[in-house]
Amino acid sequence: MEVGSGTGAVLESLLEEGDFYLAGIDIDRSGLHFAQDLKKSFLLAQANGYKLPFPDDNFSISYCHYLLLWVINPDRILAEMQRVTRKGGCVIALAEPDYQSRIDFPPPLDQLGRHQSQSLQAQGADISIGRKLSTLFNEAGLEDVEIGILGARWKARATPEANKSEWMTIQSDLANQMPRETLKGYQDLDQSSWVKGNRVLFIPTFYAVGIVK
């Protein structure tokens, strides 16, 4: 069961891994409609992660993905995930970023990173949620908690097309934060740095796994 399933991208990828009973909840109806249109056998519901519409001990695994940074009380989300997961099952945070540890190079692209982090904070995100996963999972009472950082690797040189999706996100975050010309200057520098092979962009992204006792 995925909390914050969005358009169903992660649920769909799980279908390739085996024959699972899959469920997802999200507060955004449009994302649920998109996921349902995939014509896959998902059980989908519009619901809030603070009150999951499932009975206790119902799933083998409950997980979320880039969700906890957007919620005010992540501990309550984890408590609900734990409630609907069977004893011996897993509660998993697949990916939660730590923007406060972001590395941007060369300058002045580090300024771009700071602007984006400030924009995310203004939108209500906890930009340091990644480093808090260990505390959250252990305080939830989960057992055998494992915390880690997702591996990072990239080609020394890359084409601008390779970072198209990243720039769509940046433009969305900063469209109202700086003049278009300034943002375009950052984009040009970013793309030329990738082509030259001296661009470094690393946002530590944590995962956590815990067993329900």
C-alpha atoms as a PDB file:
ATOM      1  CA  MET A   1       0.000   0.000   0.000  1.00  0.00           C
ATOM      2  CA  GLU A   2       1.365   3.371  -1.032  1.00  0.00           C
ATOM      3  CA  VAL A   3       0.539   6.562   0.831  1.00  0.00           C
ATOM      4  CA  GLY A   4       0.620   9.447  -1.624  1.00  0.00           C
ATOM      5  CA  SER A   5       0.456   7.264  -4.721  1.00  0.00           C
ATOM      6  CA  GLY A   6       0.016  10.206  -7.107  1.00  0.00           C
ATOM      7  CA  THR A   7      -0.213   9.083 -10.727  1.00  0.00           C
ATOM      8  CA  GLY A   8       0.597   5.459  -9.837  1.00  0.00           C
ATOM      9  CA  ALA A   9       4.129   5.408 -11.246  1.00  0.00           C
ATOM     10  CA  VAL A  10       5.616   3.404  -8.362  1.00  0.00           C
ATOM     11  CA  LEU A  11       2.614   1.085  -8.177  1.00  0.00           C
ATOM     12  CA  GLU A  12       2.933   0.364 -11.881  1.00  0.00           C
ATOM     13  CA  SER A  13       6.641  -0.437 -11.524  1.00  0.00           C
ATOM     14  CA  LEU A  14       5.818  -2.983  -8.803  1.00  0.00           C
ATOM     15  CA  LEU A  15       3.669  -4.939 -11.250  1.00  0.00           C
ATOM     16  CA  GLU A  16       6.894  -5.844 -13.058  1.00  0.00           C
ATOM     17  CA  GLU A  17       8.324  -7.345  -9.857  1.00  0.00           C
ATOM     18  CA  GLY A  18       5.631  -9.909  -9.130  1.00  0.00           C
ATOM     19  CA  ASP A  19       1.961 -10.706  -8.603  1.00  0.00           C
ATOM     20  CA  PHE A  20       1.033  -8.327  -5.787  1.00  0.00           C
ATOM     21  CA  TYR A  21      -2.215  -6.980  -4.392  1.00  0.00           C
ATOM     22  CA  LEU A  22      -1.569  -3.238  -4.702  1.00  0.00           C
ATOM     23  CA  ALA A  23      -3.381  -0.318  -3.109  1.00  0.00           C
ATOM     24  CA  GLY A  24      -2.759   3.407  -3.120  1.00  0.00           C
ATOM     25  CA  ILE A  25      -4.235   6.493  -1.526  1.00  0.00           C
ATOM     26  CA  ASP A  26      -3.820  10.154  -2.392  1.00  0.00           C
ATOM     27  CA  ILE A  27      -5.651  13.383  -1.612  1.00  0.00           C
ATOM     28  CA  ASP A  28      -5.396  14.516  -5.249  1.00  0.00           C
ATOM     29  CA  ARG A  29      -8.276  13.118  -7.297  1.00  0.00           C
ATOM     30  CA  SER A  30      -6.690  13.971 -10.656  1.00  0.00           C
ATOM     31  CA  GLY A  31      -3.671  11.794  -9.923  1.00  0.00           C
ATOM     32  CA  LEU A  32      -5.930   8.924  -8.922  1.00  0.00           C
ATOM     33  CA  HIS A  33      -7.900   9.240 -12.157  1.00  0.00           C
ATOM     34  CA  PHE A  34      -4.651   9.095 -14.134  1.00  0.00           C
ATOM     35  CA  ALA A  35      -3.532   5.992 -12.218  1.00  0.00           C
ATOM     36  CA  GLN A  36      -6.892   4.299 -12.739  1.00  0.00           C
ATOM     37  CA  ASP A  37      -6.704   4.998 -16.456  1.00  0.00           C
ATOM     38  CA  LEU A  38      -3.613   2.796 -16.569  1.00  0.00           C
ATOM     39  CA  LYS A  39      -6.203  -0.006 -16.418  1.00  0.00           C
ATOM     40  CA  LYS A  40      -4.171  -1.872 -13.846  1.00  0.00           C
ATOM     41  CA  SER A  41      -5.574  -3.812 -10.931  1.00  0.00           C
ATOM     42  CA  PHE A  42      -4.896  -1.150  -8.310  1.00  0.00           C
ATOM     43  CA  LEU A  43      -7.206  -0.483  -5.403  1.00  0.00           C
ATOM     44  CA  LEU A  44      -7.206   3.320  -5.269  1.00  0.00           C
ATOM     45  CA  ALA A  45      -8.896   5.660  -2.820  1.00  0.00           C
ATOM     46  CA  GLN A  46      -8.963   9.384  -2.256  1.00  0.00           C
ATOM     47  CA  ALA A  47      -7.970   9.751   1.368  1.00  0.00           C
ATOM     48  CA  ASN A  48      -5.712  11.527   3.825  1.00  0.00           C
ATOM     49  CA  GLY A  49      -2.594   9.763   5.075  1.00  0.00           C
ATOM     50  CA  TYR A  50      -3.472  10.776   8.628  1.00  0.00           C
ATOM     51  CA  LYS A  51      -6.500   8.478   8.491  1.00  0.00           C
ATOM     52  CA  LEU A  52      -6.019   5.548   6.142  1.00  0.00           C
ATOM     53  CA  PRO A  53      -9.268   3.861   5.005  1.00  0.00           C
ATOM     54  CA  PHE A  54      -8.039   0.344   5.783  1.00  0.00           C
ATOM     55  CA  PRO A  55      -8.386  -2.000   8.763  1.00  0.00           C
ATOM     56  CA  ASP A  56      -5.533  -2.884  11.099  1.00  0.00           C
ATOM     57  CA  ASP A  57      -2.966  -5.502  10.044  1.00  0.00           C
ATOM     58  CA  ASN A  58      -4.051  -5.451   6.403  1.00  0.00           C
ATOM     59  CA  PHE A  59      -0.864  -5.147   4.319  1.00  0.00           C
ATOM     60  CA  SER A  60       2.521  -6.832   4.188  1.00  0.00           C
ATOM     61  CA  ILE A  61       4.218  -3.588   3.176  1.00  0.00           C
ATOM     62  CA  SER A  62       3.238   0.056   3.519  1.00  0.00           C
ATOM     63  CA  TYR A  63       5.433   2.654   1.854  1.00  0.00           C
ATOM     64  CA  CYS A  64       5.688   6.258   0.767  1.00  0.00           C
ATOM     65  CA  HIS A  65       7.898   8.104  -1.699  1.00  0.00           C
ATOM     66  CA  TYR A  66       8.806  11.814  -1.533  1.00  0.00           C
ATOM     67  CA  LEU A  67       5.845  12.321   0.788  1.00  0.00           C
ATOM     68  CA  LEU A  68       7.066  12.997   4.326  1.00  0.00           C
ATOM     69  CA  LEU A  69       8.766  16.252   3.338  1.00  0.00           C
ATOM     70  CA  TRP A  70       5.312  17.658   2.494  1.00  0.00           C
ATOM     71  CA  VAL A  71       3.407  16.737   5.663  1.00  0.00           C
ATOM     72  CA  ILE A  72       3.266  18.667   8.939  1.00  0.00           C
ATOM     73  CA  ASN A  73       3.229  15.582  11.170  1.00  0.00           C
ATOM     74  CA  PRO A  74       5.224  12.760   9.521  1.00  0.00           C
ATOM     75  CA  ASP A  75       5.093  10.795  12.776  1.00  0.00           C
ATOM     76  CA  ARG A  76       1.315  10.512  12.440  1.00  0.00           C
ATOM     77  CA  ILE A  77       1.646   9.271   8.859  1.00  0.00           C
ATOM     78  CA  LEU A  78       4.101   6.591   9.988  1.00  0.00           C
ATOM     79  CA  ALA A  79       1.788   5.592  12.848  1.00  0.00           C
ATOM     80  CA  GLU A  80      -1.062   5.016  10.375  1.00  0.00           C
ATOM     81  CA  MET A  81       1.210   3.086   8.016  1.00  0.00           C
ATOM     82  CA  GLN A  82       2.270   0.937  10.951  1.00  0.00           C
ATOM     83  CA  ARG A  83      -1.342   0.376  12.027  1.00  0.00           C
ATOM     84  CA  VAL A  84      -2.426  -1.074   8.667  1.00  0.00           C
ATOM     85  CA  THR A  85       0.703  -3.256   8.304  1.00  0.00           C
ATOM     86  CA  ARG A  86       0.804  -6.793   9.643  1.00  0.00           C
ATOM     87  CA  LYS A  87       3.169  -7.874  12.402  1.00  0.00           C
ATOM     88  CA  GLY A  88       6.474  -8.748  10.772  1.00  0.00           C
ATOM     89  CA  GLY A  89       5.671  -6.569   7.763  1.00  0.00           C
ATOM     90  CA  CYS A  90       7.609  -3.522   6.581  1.00  0.00           C
ATOM     91  CA  VAL A  91       7.057   0.203   6.709  1.00  0.00           C
ATOM     92  CA  ILE A  92       9.264   1.928   4.135  1.00  0.00           C
ATOM     93  CA  ALA A  93      10.133   5.471   3.139  1.00  0.00           C
ATOM     94  CA  LEU A  94      11.578   4.868  -0.314  1.00  0.00           C
ATOM     95  CA  ALA A  95      13.050   8.338  -0.807  1.00  0.00           C
ATOM     96  CA  GLU A  96      13.134  11.554   1.222  1.00  0.00           C
ATOM     97  CA  PRO A  97      15.564  14.342   0.253  1.00  0.00           C
ATOM     98  CA  ASP A  98      17.801  16.535   2.396  1.00  0.00           C
ATOM     99  CA  TYR A  99      18.066  19.822   0.547  1.00  0.00           C
ATOM    100  CA  GLN A 100      20.051  21.415   3.365  1.00  0.00           C
ATOM    101  CA  SER A 101      22.975  19.164   2.417  1.00  0.00           C
ATOM    102  CA  ARG A 102      22.698  19.947  -1.282  1.00  0.00           C
ATOM    103  CA  ILE A 103      25.912  20.317  -3.288  1.00  0.00           C
ATOM    104  CA  ASP A 104      25.912  22.598  -6.330  1.00  0.00           C
ATOM    105  CA  PHE A 105      29.047  23.342  -8.362  1.00  0.00           C
ATOM    106  CA  PRO A 106      30.396  25.450 -10.022  1.00  0.00           C
ATOM    107  CA  PRO A 107      29.400  28.840  -8.574  1.00  0.00           C
ATOM    108  CA  PRO A 108      27.073  30.678  -8.836  1.00  0.00           C
ATOM    109  CA  LEU A 109      24.886  27.579  -9.243  1.00  0.00           C
ATOM    110  CA  ASP A 110      25.086  27.158  -5.478  1.00  0.00           C
ATOM    111  CA  GLN A 111      22.929  30.307  -5.292  1.00  0.00           C
ATOM    112  CA  LEU A 112      20.363  28.616  -7.539  1.00  0.00           C
ATOM    113  CA  GLY A 113      20.240  25.701  -5.100  1.00  0.00           C
ATOM    114  CA  ARG A 114      19.617  28.035  -2.180  1.00  0.00           C
ATOM    115  CA  HIS A 115      16.830  29.802  -4.061  1.00  0.00           C
ATOM    116  CA  GLN A 116      15.124  26.505  -4.842  1.00  0.00           C
ATOM    117  CA  SER A 117      15.403  25.319  -1.231  1.00  0.00           C
ATOM    118  CA  GLN A 118      13.884  28.594  -0.019  1.00  0.00           C
ATOM    119  CA  SER A 119      11.048  28.179  -2.512  1.00  0.00           C
ATOM    120  CA  LEU A 120      10.346  24.652  -1.266  1.00  0.00           C
ATOM    121  CA  GLN A 121      10.268  25.906   2.319  1.00  0.00           C
ATOM    122  CA  ALA A 122       7.821  28.628   1.298  1.00  0.00           C
ATOM    123  CA  GLN A 123       5.612  25.892  -0.189  1.00  0.00           C
ATOM    124  CA  GLY A 124       5.633  24.084   3.160  1.00  0.00           C
ATOM    125  CA  ALA A 125       8.309  21.448   2.577  1.00  0.00           C
ATOM    126  CA  ASP A 126      10.648  20.244   5.321  1.00  0.00           C
ATOM    127  CA  ILE A 127      13.907  20.498   3.385  1.00  0.00           C
ATOM    128  CA  SER A 128      15.851  18.523   6.012  1.00  0.00           C
ATOM    129  CA  ILE A 129      13.425  15.589   6.312  1.00  0.00           C
ATOM    130  CA  GLY A 130      15.995  13.078   5.013  1.00  0.00           C
ATOM    131  CA  ARG A 131      18.249  13.323   8.054  1.00  0.00           C
ATOM    132  CA  LYS A 132      15.219  12.923  10.355  1.00  0.00           C
ATOM    133  CA  LEU A 133      14.137   9.509   9.063  1.00  0.00           C
ATOM    134  CA  SER A 134      16.204   7.586  11.588  1.00  0.00           C
ATOM    135  CA  THR A 135      14.618   9.457  14.500  1.00  0.00           C
ATOM    136  CA  LEU A 136      11.119   9.160  13.063  1.00  0.00           C
ATOM    137  CA  PHE A 137      11.333   5.415  12.409  1.00  0.00           C
ATOM    138  CA  ASN A 138      12.904   4.585  15.754  1.00  0.00           C
ATOM    139  CA  GLU A 139      10.493   6.765  17.721  1.00  0.00           C
ATOM    140  CA  ALA A 140       7.618   5.050  15.885  1.00  0.00           C
ATOM    141  CA  GLY A 141       8.653   1.818  17.615  1.00  0.00           C
ATOM    142  CA  LEU A 142       9.625  -0.017  14.454  1.00  0.00           C
ATOM    143  CA  GLU A 143      12.232  -2.749  14.785  1.00  0.00           C
ATOM    144  CA  ASP A 144      15.459  -3.487  12.887  1.00  0.00           C
ATOM    145  CA  VAL A 145      15.390  -0.016  11.369  1.00  0.00           C
ATOM    146  CA  GLU A 146      17.760   0.437   8.424  1.00  0.00           C
ATOM    147  CA  ILE A 147      18.630   3.896   7.135  1.00  0.00           C
ATOM    148  CA  GLY A 148      20.657   4.719   4.065  1.00  0.00           C
ATOM    149  CA  ILE A 149      21.306   7.172   1.262  1.00  0.00           C
ATOM    150  CA  LEU A 150      20.433   6.276  -2.303  1.00  0.00           C
ATOM    151  CA  GLY A 151      23.487   5.884  -4.505  1.00  0.00           C
ATOM    152  CA  ALA A 152      24.396   8.784  -6.760  1.00  0.00           C
ATOM    153  CA  ARG A 153      26.204   8.569 -10.065  1.00  0.00           C
ATOM    154  CA  TRP A 154      26.180  10.562 -13.266  1.00  0.00           C
ATOM    155  CA  LYS A 155      28.120  10.868 -16.472  1.00  0.00           C
ATOM    156  CA  ALA A 156      30.973  13.357 -16.404  1.00  0.00           C
ATOM    157  CA  ARG A 157      29.453  15.014 -19.463  1.00  0.00           C
ATOM    158  CA  ALA A 158      25.776  15.163 -20.246  1.00  0.00           C
ATOM    159  CA  THR A 159      23.543  16.772 -22.838  1.00  0.00           C
ATOM    160  CA  PRO A 160      21.024  19.445 -21.819  1.00  0.00           C
ATOM    161  CA  GLU A 161      18.201  17.018 -22.677  1.00  0.00           C
ATOM    162  CA  ALA A 162      19.328  14.736 -19.856  1.00  0.00           C
ATOM    163  CA  ASN A 163      18.318  17.391 -17.317  1.00  0.00           C
ATOM    164  CA  LYS A 164      15.097  18.560 -18.944  1.00  0.00           C
ATOM    165  CA  SER A 165      12.845  17.216 -16.171  1.00  0.00           C
ATOM    166  CA  GLU A 166      15.051  18.754 -13.478  1.00  0.00           C
ATOM    167  CA  TRP A 167      14.722  22.166 -15.115  1.00  0.00           C
ATOM    168  CA  MET A 168      10.963  21.843 -15.441  1.00  0.00           C
ATOM    169  CA  THR A 169      10.864  21.437 -11.655  1.00  0.00           C
ATOM    170  CA  ILE A 170      13.263  24.334 -11.040  1.00  0.00           C
ATOM    171  CA  GLN A 171      11.268  26.639 -13.319  1.00  0.00           C
ATOM    172  CA  SER A 172       8.050  25.685 -11.560  1.00  0.00           C
ATOM    173  CA  ASP A 173       9.594  26.338  -8.131  1.00  0.00           C
ATOM    174  CA  LEU A 174      11.239  29.650  -9.025  1.00  0.00           C
ATOM    175  CA  ALA A 175       8.942  31.188 -11.633  1.00  0.00           C
ATOM    176  CA  ASN A 176       7.650  33.741  -9.123  1.00  0.00           C
ATOM    177  CA  GLN A 177      10.896  34.086  -7.186  1.00  0.00           C
ATOM    178  CA  MET A 178      13.229  35.715  -9.703  1.00  0.00           C
ATOM    179  CA  PRO A 179      13.146  37.489 -13.083  1.00  0.00           C
ATOM    180  CA  ARG A 180      12.895  35.252 -16.121  1.00  0.00           C
ATOM    181  CA  GLU A 181      16.187  36.593 -17.475  1.00  0.00           C
ATOM    182  CA  THR A 182      18.022  35.675 -14.246  1.00  0.00           C
ATOM    183  CA  LEU A 183      16.583  32.176 -14.277  1.00  0.00           C
ATOM    184  CA  LYS A 184      17.520  31.777 -17.948  1.00  0.00           C
ATOM    185  CA  GLY A 185      21.102  32.790 -17.091  1.00  0.00           C
ATOM    186  CA  TYR A 186      21.263  30.053 -14.447  1.00  0.00           C
ATOM    187  CA  GLN A 187      19.858  27.533 -16.917  1.00  0.00           C
ATOM    188  CA  ASP A 188      22.439  28.449 -19.562  1.00  0.00           C
ATOM    189  CA  LEU A 189      25.262  28.096 -17.029  1.00  0.00           C
ATOM    190  CA  ASP A 190      23.862  24.787 -15.780  1.00  0.00           C
ATOM    191  CA  GLN A 191      23.647  23.349 -19.283  1.00  0.00           C
ATOM    192  CA  SER A 192      27.097  24.557 -20.327  1.00  0.00           C
ATOM    193  CA  SER A 193      28.581  23.090 -17.134  1.00  0.00           C
ATOM    194  CA  TRP A 194      27.062  19.685 -17.909  1.00  0.00           C
ATOM    195  CA  VAL A 195      28.490  19.817 -21.417  1.00  0.00           C
ATOM    196  CA  LYS A 196      31.938  20.800 -20.094  1.00  0.00           C
ATOM    197  CA  GLY A 197      31.807  18.015 -17.513  1.00  0.00           C
ATOM    198  CA  ASN A 198      32.295  20.142 -14.389  1.00  0.00           C
ATOM    199  CA  ARG A 199      28.697  20.178 -13.090  1.00  0.00           C
ATOM    200  CA  VAL A 200      28.005  18.612  -9.703  1.00  0.00           C
ATOM    201  CA  LEU A 201      24.464  18.416  -8.378  1.00  0.00           C
ATOM    202  CA  PHE A 202      23.894  16.137  -5.417  1.00  0.00           C
ATOM    203  CA  ILE A 203      20.911  16.168  -3.070  1.00  0.00           C
ATOM    204  CA  PRO A 204      21.316  13.401  -0.447  1.00  0.00           C
ATOM    205  CA  THR A 205      18.171  11.281  -0.628  1.00  0.00           C
ATOM    206  CA  PHE A 206      17.531   8.971   2.307  1.00  0.00           C
ATOM    207  CA  TYR A 207      15.518   5.781   2.608  1.00  0.00           C
ATOM    208  CA  ALA A 208      14.314   3.958   5.727  1.00  0.00           C
ATOM    209  CA  VAL A 209      12.921   0.490   6.400  1.00  0.00           C
ATOM    210  CA  GLY A 210      11.421  -0.759   9.661  1.00  0.00           C
ATOM    211  CA  ILE A 211       9.685  -3.946  10.795  1.00  0.00           C
ATOM    212  CA  VAL A 212       6.313  -3.842  12.562  1.00  0.00           C
ATOM    213  CA  LYS A 213       6.540  -5.642  15.886  1.00  0.00           C
END
